[in-house]
PDB file of all heavy atoms in Angstrom:
ATOM      1  N   TYR A   1      99.240 107.609 110.197  1.00  0.00           N
ATOM      2  CA  TYR A   1      99.973 106.836 111.148  1.00  0.00           C
ATOM      3  C   TYR A   1     100.522 105.556 110.579  1.00  0.00           C
ATOM      4  O   TYR A   1     100.159 105.119 109.477  1.00  0.00           O
ATOM      5  CB  TYR A   1      99.094 106.539 112.370  1.00  0.00           C
ATOM      6  CG  TYR A   1      97.906 105.677 112.086  1.00  0.00           C
ATOM      7  CD1 TYR A   1      97.936 104.307 112.292  1.00  0.00           C
ATOM      8  CD2 TYR A   1      96.713 106.237 111.664  1.00  0.00           C
ATOM      9  CE1 TYR A   1      96.864 103.509 112.048  1.00  0.00           C
ATOM     10  CE2 TYR A   1      95.589 105.422 111.441  1.00  0.00           C
ATOM     11  CZ  TYR A   1      95.698 104.112 111.600  1.00  0.00           C
ATOM     12  OH  TYR A   1      94.550 103.314 111.352  1.00  0.00           O
ATOM     13  N   ARG A   2     101.484 104.934 111.262  1.00  0.00           N
ATOM     14  CA  ARG A   2     102.073 103.650 110.820  1.00  0.00           C
ATOM     15  C   ARG A   2     101.458 102.538 111.655  1.00  0.00           C
ATOM     16  O   ARG A   2     101.287 102.669 112.885  1.00  0.00           O
ATOM     17  CB  ARG A   2     103.583 103.738 111.064  1.00  0.00           C
ATOM     18  CG  ARG A   2     104.332 102.535 110.545  1.00  0.00           C
ATOM     19  CD  ARG A   2     105.857 102.560 110.831  1.00  0.00           C
ATOM     20  NE  ARG A   2     106.420 103.887 110.794  1.00  0.00           N
ATOM     21  CZ  ARG A   2     107.111 104.341 109.782  1.00  0.00           C
ATOM     22  NH1 ARG A   2     107.329 103.611 108.720  1.00  0.00           N
ATOM     23  NH2 ARG A   2     107.633 105.551 109.793  1.00  0.00           N
ATOM     24  N   HIS A   3     101.118 101.465 110.963  1.00  0.00           N
ATOM     25  CA  HIS A   3     100.544 100.300 111.645  1.00  0.00           C
ATOM     26  C   HIS A   3     100.980  99.005 110.903  1.00  0.00           C
ATOM     27  O   HIS A   3     100.750  98.896 109.679  1.00  0.00           O
ATOM     28  CB  HIS A   3      99.023 100.389 111.708  1.00  0.00           C
ATOM     29  CG  HIS A   3      98.373  99.241 112.358  1.00  0.00           C
ATOM     30  ND1 HIS A   3      98.439  99.014 113.698  1.00  0.00           N
ATOM     31  CD2 HIS A   3      97.624  98.219 111.864  1.00  0.00           C
ATOM     32  CE1 HIS A   3      97.784  97.907 113.989  1.00  0.00           C
ATOM     33  NE2 HIS A   3      97.239  97.385 112.895  1.00  0.00           N
ATOM     34  N   ASP A   4     101.627  98.148 111.580  1.00  0.00           N
ATOM     35  CA  ASP A   4     102.085  96.853 111.028  1.00  0.00           C
ATOM     36  C   ASP A   4     102.882  97.062 109.731  1.00  0.00           C
ATOM     37  O   ASP A   4     102.735  96.377 108.741  1.00  0.00           O
ATOM     38  CB  ASP A   4     100.906  95.912 110.734  1.00  0.00           C
ATOM     39  CG  ASP A   4     100.278  95.326 111.971  1.00  0.00           C
ATOM     40  OD1 ASP A   4     100.978  95.288 113.000  1.00  0.00           O
ATOM     41  OD2 ASP A   4      99.078  94.973 111.921  1.00  0.00           O
ATOM     42  N   GLY A   5     103.782  98.053 109.750  1.00  0.00           N
ATOM     43  CA  GLY A   5     104.654  98.335 108.620  1.00  0.00           C
ATOM     44  C   GLY A   5     103.949  99.023 107.443  1.00  0.00           C
ATOM     45  O   GLY A   5     104.582  99.217 106.425  1.00  0.00           O
ATOM     46  N   LYS A   6     102.732  99.424 107.654  1.00  0.00           N
ATOM     47  CA  LYS A   6     101.965 100.142 106.590  1.00  0.00           C
ATOM     48  C   LYS A   6     101.738 101.608 107.040  1.00  0.00           C
ATOM     49  O   LYS A   6     101.609 101.837 108.248  1.00  0.00           O
ATOM     50  CB  LYS A   6     100.669  99.486 106.282  1.00  0.00           C
ATOM     51  CG  LYS A   6     100.801  98.034 105.731  1.00  0.00           C
ATOM     52  CD  LYS A   6      99.430  97.468 105.561  1.00  0.00           C
ATOM     53  CE  LYS A   6      99.647  96.019 105.116  1.00  0.00           C
ATOM     54  NZ  LYS A   6      98.321  95.332 104.985  1.00  0.00           N
ATOM     55  N   ILE A   7     101.603 102.496 106.082  1.00  0.00           N
ATOM     56  CA  ILE A   7     101.179 103.880 106.388  1.00  0.00           C
ATOM     57  C   ILE A   7      99.707 103.987 106.143  1.00  0.00           C
ATOM     58  O   ILE A   7      99.224 103.683 105.005  1.00  0.00           O
ATOM     59  CB  ILE A   7     102.020 104.886 105.561  1.00  0.00           C
ATOM     60  CG1 ILE A   7     103.518 104.776 105.980  1.00  0.00           C
ATOM     61  CG2 ILE A   7     101.456 106.295 105.782  1.00  0.00           C
ATOM     62  CD1 ILE A   7     104.392 105.620 105.121  1.00  0.00           C
ATOM     63  N   ILE A   8      98.986 104.408 107.096  1.00  0.00           N
ATOM     64  CA  ILE A   8      97.510 104.586 106.991  1.00  0.00           C
ATOM     65  C   ILE A   8      97.167 106.104 107.004  1.00  0.00           C
ATOM     66  O   ILE A   8      97.645 106.830 107.905  1.00  0.00           O
ATOM     67  CB  ILE A   8      96.805 103.921 108.220  1.00  0.00           C
ATOM     68  CG1 ILE A   8      97.298 102.475 108.397  1.00  0.00           C
ATOM     69  CG2 ILE A   8      95.309 104.002 108.065  1.00  0.00           C
ATOM     70  CD1 ILE A   8      97.004 101.534 107.293  1.00  0.00           C
ATOM     71  N   LEU A   9      96.481 106.526 106.007  1.00  0.00           N
ATOM     72  CA  LEU A   9      95.988 107.920 105.959  1.00  0.00           C
ATOM     73  C   LEU A   9      94.460 107.888 105.963  1.00  0.00           C
ATOM     74  O   LEU A   9      93.820 107.066 105.279  1.00  0.00           O
ATOM     75  CB  LEU A   9      96.448 108.586 104.647  1.00  0.00           C
ATOM     76  CG  LEU A   9      97.998 108.671 104.484  1.00  0.00           C
ATOM     77  CD1 LEU A   9      98.350 109.248 103.106  1.00  0.00           C
ATOM     78  CD2 LEU A   9      98.626 109.524 105.570  1.00  0.00           C
ATOM     79  N   MET A  10      93.913 108.849 106.690  1.00  0.00           N
ATOM     80  CA  MET A  10      92.458 108.978 106.802  1.00  0.00           C
ATOM     81  C   MET A  10      92.168 110.460 106.462  1.00  0.00           C
ATOM     82  O   MET A  10      92.747 111.370 107.089  1.00  0.00           O
ATOM     83  CB  MET A  10      91.915 108.664 108.173  1.00  0.00           C
ATOM     84  CG  MET A  10      92.246 107.267 108.647  1.00  0.00           C
ATOM     85  SD  MET A  10      91.538 106.802 110.198  1.00  0.00           S
ATOM     86  CE  MET A  10      92.015 108.150 111.309  1.00  0.00           C
ATOM     87  N   ALA A  11      91.255 110.685 105.542  1.00  0.00           N
ATOM     88  CA  ALA A  11      90.880 111.996 105.162  1.00  0.00           C
ATOM     89  C   ALA A  11      89.395 112.229 105.401  1.00  0.00           C
ATOM     90  O   ALA A  11      88.610 111.363 105.073  1.00  0.00           O
ATOM     91  CB  ALA A  11      91.163 112.311 103.684  1.00  0.00           C
ATOM     92  N   LEU A  12      88.985 113.314 105.964  1.00  0.00           N
ATOM     93  CA  LEU A  12      87.567 113.626 106.212  1.00  0.00           C
ATOM     94  C   LEU A  12      87.189 114.683 105.232  1.00  0.00           C
ATOM     95  O   LEU A  12      87.625 115.837 105.319  1.00  0.00           O
ATOM     96  CB  LEU A  12      87.436 114.114 107.680  1.00  0.00           C
ATOM     97  CG  LEU A  12      86.026 114.445 108.115  1.00  0.00           C
ATOM     98  CD1 LEU A  12      85.131 113.271 107.980  1.00  0.00           C
ATOM     99  CD2 LEU A  12      86.028 114.996 109.516  1.00  0.00           C
ATOM    100  N   ILE A  13      86.367 114.332 104.271  1.00  0.00           N
ATOM    101  CA  ILE A  13      85.947 115.235 103.221  1.00  0.00           C
ATOM    102  C   ILE A  13      84.439 115.242 103.131  1.00  0.00           C
ATOM    103  O   ILE A  13      83.836 114.446 102.355  1.00  0.00           O
ATOM    104  CB  ILE A  13      86.632 114.844 101.851  1.00  0.00           C
ATOM    105  CG1 ILE A  13      88.098 114.626 101.995  1.00  0.00           C
ATOM    106  CG2 ILE A  13      86.316 115.903 100.811  1.00  0.00           C
ATOM    107  CD1 ILE A  13      88.744 114.043 100.768  1.00  0.00           C
ATOM    108  N   PRO A  14      83.758 116.000 103.992  1.00  0.00           N
ATOM    109  CA  PRO A  14      82.301 115.933 103.994  1.00  0.00           C
ATOM    110  C   PRO A  14      81.685 116.400 102.668  1.00  0.00           C
ATOM    111  O   PRO A  14      82.285 117.215 101.982  1.00  0.00           O
ATOM    112  CB  PRO A  14      81.930 116.844 105.149  1.00  0.00           C
ATOM    113  CG  PRO A  14      83.074 117.715 105.361  1.00  0.00           C
ATOM    114  CD  PRO A  14      84.305 116.964 104.867  1.00  0.00           C
ATOM    115  N   GLY A  15      80.529 115.906 102.419  1.00  0.00           N
ATOM    116  CA  GLY A  15      79.822 116.333 101.176  1.00  0.00           C
ATOM    117  C   GLY A  15      80.278 115.603  99.936  1.00  0.00           C
ATOM    118  O   GLY A  15      79.938 116.011  98.868  1.00  0.00           O
ATOM    119  N   THR A  16      81.061 114.544 100.075  1.00  0.00           N
ATOM    120  CA  THR A  16      81.516 113.761  98.934  1.00  0.00           C
ATOM    121  C   THR A  16      81.196 112.267  99.141  1.00  0.00           C
ATOM    122  O   THR A  16      80.916 111.848 100.239  1.00  0.00           O
ATOM    123  CB  THR A  16      83.084 113.904  98.786  1.00  0.00           C
ATOM    124  OG1 THR A  16      83.718 113.330  99.864  1.00  0.00           O
ATOM    125  CG2 THR A  16      83.479 115.356  98.492  1.00  0.00           C
ATOM    126  N   THR A  17      81.250 111.538  98.019  1.00  0.00           N
ATOM    127  CA  THR A  17      81.124 110.086  98.114  1.00  0.00           C
ATOM    128  C   THR A  17      82.474 109.532  97.599  1.00  0.00           C
ATOM    129  O   THR A  17      83.308 110.244  97.060  1.00  0.00           O
ATOM    130  CB  THR A  17      79.991 109.576  97.244  1.00  0.00           C
ATOM    131  OG1 THR A  17      80.289 109.836  95.841  1.00  0.00           O
ATOM    132  CG2 THR A  17      78.675 110.212  97.640  1.00  0.00           C
ATOM    133  N   ILE A  18      82.680 108.271  97.795  1.00  0.00           N
ATOM    134  CA  ILE A  18      83.948 107.654  97.295  1.00  0.00           C
ATOM    135  C   ILE A  18      84.091 107.794  95.825  1.00  0.00           C
ATOM    136  O   ILE A  18      85.200 107.944  95.304  1.00  0.00           O
ATOM    137  CB  ILE A  18      83.995 106.204  97.774  1.00  0.00           C
ATOM    138  CG1 ILE A  18      85.415 105.640  97.573  1.00  0.00           C
ATOM    139  CG2 ILE A  18      83.019 105.304  96.980  1.00  0.00           C
ATOM    140  CD1 ILE A  18      86.440 106.208  98.572  1.00  0.00           C
ATOM    141  N   GLU A  19      82.989 107.881  95.070  1.00  0.00           N
ATOM    142  CA  GLU A  19      83.083 108.078  93.624  1.00  0.00           C
ATOM    143  C   GLU A  19      83.556 109.508  93.261  1.00  0.00           C
ATOM    144  O   GLU A  19      83.989 109.709  92.170  1.00  0.00           O
ATOM    145  CB  GLU A  19      81.701 107.835  92.969  1.00  0.00           C
ATOM    146  CG  GLU A  19      81.252 106.433  93.025  1.00  0.00           C
ATOM    147  CD  GLU A  19      80.603 105.987  94.347  1.00  0.00           C
ATOM    148  OE1 GLU A  19      80.309 106.918  95.182  1.00  0.00           O
ATOM    149  OE2 GLU A  19      80.515 104.795  94.626  1.00  0.00           O
ATOM    150  N   ASP A  20      83.453 110.481  94.184  1.00  0.00           N
ATOM    151  CA  ASP A  20      83.845 111.834  93.910  1.00  0.00           C
ATOM    152  C   ASP A  20      85.343 112.054  94.149  1.00  0.00           C
ATOM    153  O   ASP A  20      85.856 113.156  93.923  1.00  0.00           O
ATOM    154  CB  ASP A  20      83.118 112.840  94.837  1.00  0.00           C
ATOM    155  CG  ASP A  20      81.625 112.812  94.620  1.00  0.00           C
ATOM    156  OD1 ASP A  20      81.181 112.631  93.442  1.00  0.00           O
ATOM    157  OD2 ASP A  20      80.850 112.958  95.574  1.00  0.00           O
ATOM    158  N   ILE A  21      86.053 111.075  94.675  1.00  0.00           N
ATOM    159  CA  ILE A  21      87.426 111.237  95.146  1.00  0.00           C
ATOM    160  C   ILE A  21      88.382 110.361  94.385  1.00  0.00           C
ATOM    161  O   ILE A  21      88.066 109.190  94.065  1.00  0.00           O
ATOM    162  CB  ILE A  21      87.518 110.914  96.684  1.00  0.00           C
ATOM    163  CG1 ILE A  21      86.628 111.859  97.441  1.00  0.00           C
ATOM    164  CG2 ILE A  21      88.971 110.981  97.134  1.00  0.00           C
ATOM    165  CD1 ILE A  21      86.444 111.493  98.911  1.00  0.00           C
ATOM    166  N   SER A  22      89.603 110.875  94.108  1.00  0.00           N
ATOM    167  CA  SER A  22      90.631 110.112  93.386  1.00  0.00           C
ATOM    168  C   SER A  22      91.903 110.222  94.211  1.00  0.00           C
ATOM    169  O   SER A  22      92.224 111.269  94.734  1.00  0.00           O
ATOM    170  CB  SER A  22      90.819 110.701  92.019  1.00  0.00           C
ATOM    171  OG  SER A  22      91.925 110.068  91.409  1.00  0.00           O
ATOM    172  N   VAL A  23      92.620 109.093  94.330  1.00  0.00           N
ATOM    173  CA  VAL A  23      93.926 109.073  95.034  1.00  0.00           C
ATOM    174  C   VAL A  23      94.944 108.579  94.055  1.00  0.00           C
ATOM    175  O   VAL A  23      94.753 107.553  93.443  1.00  0.00           O
ATOM    176  CB  VAL A  23      93.813 108.154  96.288  1.00  0.00           C
ATOM    177  CG1 VAL A  23      95.197 108.106  97.005  1.00  0.00           C
ATOM    178  CG2 VAL A  23      92.748 108.646  97.259  1.00  0.00           C
ATOM    179  N   SER A  24      96.067 109.303  93.960  1.00  0.00           N
ATOM    180  CA  SER A  24      97.120 108.913  93.014  1.00  0.00           C
ATOM    181  C   SER A  24      98.478 109.169  93.649  1.00  0.00           C
ATOM    182  O   SER A  24      98.595 109.968  94.566  1.00  0.00           O
ATOM    183  CB  SER A  24      96.996 109.614  91.683  1.00  0.00           C
ATOM    184  OG  SER A  24      97.210 111.025  91.865  1.00  0.00           O
ATOM    185  N   MET A  25      99.487 108.510  93.094  1.00  0.00           N
ATOM    186  CA  MET A  25     100.884 108.726  93.568  1.00  0.00           C
ATOM    187  C   MET A  25     101.792 108.815  92.391  1.00  0.00           C
ATOM    188  O   MET A  25     101.744 107.897  91.510  1.00  0.00           O
ATOM    189  CB  MET A  25     101.265 107.558  94.475  1.00  0.00           C
ATOM    190  CG  MET A  25     102.613 107.764  95.130  1.00  0.00           C
ATOM    191  SD  MET A  25     102.408 107.204  96.824  1.00  0.00           S
ATOM    192  CE  MET A  25     103.969 107.691  97.492  1.00  0.00           C
ATOM    193  N   THR A  26     102.552 109.918  92.316  1.00  0.00           N
ATOM    194  CA  THR A  26     103.449 110.171  91.219  1.00  0.00           C
ATOM    195  C   THR A  26     104.792 110.706  91.775  1.00  0.00           C
ATOM    196  O   THR A  26     104.753 111.683  92.584  1.00  0.00           O
ATOM    197  CB  THR A  26     102.904 111.193  90.196  1.00  0.00           C
ATOM    198  OG1 THR A  26     101.597 110.728  89.778  1.00  0.00           O
ATOM    199  CG2 THR A  26     103.821 111.382  89.012  1.00  0.00           C
ATOM    200  N   ASP A  27     105.867 110.067  91.457  1.00  0.00           N
ATOM    201  CA  ASP A  27     107.190 110.531  91.934  1.00  0.00           C
ATOM    202  C   ASP A  27     107.157 110.720  93.481  1.00  0.00           C
ATOM    203  O   ASP A  27     107.625 111.767  93.976  1.00  0.00           O
ATOM    204  CB  ASP A  27     107.635 111.836  91.295  1.00  0.00           C
ATOM    205  CG  ASP A  27     107.798 111.633  89.809  1.00  0.00           C
ATOM    206  OD1 ASP A  27     108.254 110.549  89.371  1.00  0.00           O
ATOM    207  OD2 ASP A  27     107.593 112.605  89.036  1.00  0.00           O
ATOM    208  N   GLU A  28     106.636 109.748  94.197  1.00  0.00           N
ATOM    209  CA  GLU A  28     106.562 109.777  95.670  1.00  0.00           C
ATOM    210  C   GLU A  28     105.683 110.870  96.222  1.00  0.00           C
ATOM    211  O   GLU A  28     105.862 111.267  97.409  1.00  0.00           O
ATOM    212  CB  GLU A  28     107.941 109.739  96.270  1.00  0.00           C
ATOM    213  CG  GLU A  28     108.767 108.542  95.889  1.00  0.00           C
ATOM    214  CD  GLU A  28     110.105 108.515  96.568  1.00  0.00           C
ATOM    215  OE1 GLU A  28     110.342 109.347  97.486  1.00  0.00           O
ATOM    216  OE2 GLU A  28     110.926 107.672  96.204  1.00  0.00           O
ATOM    217  N   ILE A  29     104.808 111.449  95.412  1.00  0.00           N
ATOM    218  CA  ILE A  29     103.863 112.482  95.899  1.00  0.00           C
ATOM    219  C   ILE A  29     102.477 111.939  95.813  1.00  0.00           C
ATOM    220  O   ILE A  29     101.993 111.550  94.750  1.00  0.00           O
ATOM    221  CB  ILE A  29     103.993 113.749  95.096  1.00  0.00           C
ATOM    222  CG1 ILE A  29     105.392 114.366  95.227  1.00  0.00           C
ATOM    223  CG2 ILE A  29     102.921 114.797  95.533  1.00  0.00           C
ATOM    224  CD1 ILE A  29     105.639 115.532  94.340  1.00  0.00           C
ATOM    225  N   LEU A  30     101.788 111.849  96.956  1.00  0.00           N
ATOM    226  CA  LEU A  30     100.447 111.372  97.064  1.00  0.00           C
ATOM    227  C   LEU A  30      99.521 112.551  96.829  1.00  0.00           C
ATOM    228  O   LEU A  30      99.704 113.589  97.514  1.00  0.00           O
ATOM    229  CB  LEU A  30     100.229 110.706  98.401  1.00  0.00           C
ATOM    230  CG  LEU A  30      98.771 110.250  98.635  1.00  0.00           C
ATOM    231  CD1 LEU A  30      98.563 108.959  97.835  1.00  0.00           C
ATOM    232  CD2 LEU A  30      98.563 109.959 100.123  1.00  0.00           C
ATOM    233  N   THR A  31      98.539 112.391  95.976  1.00  0.00           N
ATOM    234  CA  THR A  31      97.557 113.410  95.764  1.00  0.00           C
ATOM    235  C   THR A  31      96.141 112.887  95.973  1.00  0.00           C
ATOM    236  O   THR A  31      95.787 111.815  95.487  1.00  0.00           O
ATOM    237  CB  THR A  31      97.661 113.985  94.326  1.00  0.00           C
ATOM    238  OG1 THR A  31      99.009 114.531  94.155  1.00  0.00           O
ATOM    239  CG2 THR A  31      96.614 115.035  94.002  1.00  0.00           C
ATOM    240  N   ILE A  32      95.363 113.599  96.722  1.00  0.00           N
ATOM    241  CA  ILE A  32      93.954 113.333  96.883  1.00  0.00           C
ATOM    242  C   ILE A  32      93.201 114.445  96.219  1.00  0.00           C
ATOM    243  O   ILE A  32      93.407 115.648  96.473  1.00  0.00           O
ATOM    244  CB  ILE A  32      93.565 113.288  98.380  1.00  0.00           C
ATOM    245  CG1 ILE A  32      94.346 112.199  99.103  1.00  0.00           C
ATOM    246  CG2 ILE A  32      92.076 113.037  98.565  1.00  0.00           C
ATOM    247  CD1 ILE A  32      94.178 112.203 100.611  1.00  0.00           C
ATOM    248  N   SER A  33      92.348 114.077  95.255  1.00  0.00           N
ATOM    249  CA  SER A  33      91.616 115.106  94.491  1.00  0.00           C
ATOM    250  C   SER A  33      90.151 114.662  94.311  1.00  0.00           C
ATOM    251  O   SER A  33      89.875 113.470  94.533  1.00  0.00           O
ATOM    252  CB  SER A  33      92.280 115.377  93.107  1.00  0.00           C
ATOM    253  OG  SER A  33      92.274 114.141  92.358  1.00  0.00           O
ATOM    254  N   GLY A  34      89.349 115.592  93.887  1.00  0.00           N
ATOM    255  CA  GLY A  34      87.978 115.233  93.700  1.00  0.00           C
ATOM    256  C   GLY A  34      87.106 116.433  93.404  1.00  0.00           C
ATOM    257  O   GLY A  34      87.634 117.515  93.044  1.00  0.00           O
ATOM    258  N   HIS A  35      85.785 116.242  93.577  1.00  0.00           N
ATOM    259  CA  HIS A  35      84.858 117.279  93.256  1.00  0.00           C
ATOM    260  C   HIS A  35      83.705 117.205  94.266  1.00  0.00           C
ATOM    261  O   HIS A  35      83.108 116.133  94.423  1.00  0.00           O
ATOM    262  CB  HIS A  35      84.302 117.110  91.851  1.00  0.00           C
ATOM    263  CG  HIS A  35      83.516 118.226  91.331  1.00  0.00           C
ATOM    264  ND1 HIS A  35      82.153 118.340  91.510  1.00  0.00           N
ATOM    265  CD2 HIS A  35      83.858 119.362  90.660  1.00  0.00           C
ATOM    266  CE1 HIS A  35      81.741 119.442  90.940  1.00  0.00           C
ATOM    267  NE2 HIS A  35      82.767 120.056  90.457  1.00  0.00           N
TER     268      HIS A  35
END
């Protein structure tokens, strides 16, 4: 969703910790990856 001119994304990935997840952006493509 959009809030105060920013785009906010929320992902629910059970069974992971923040250390297990990577977020990157290349050529305007956002990728969420992990293990």
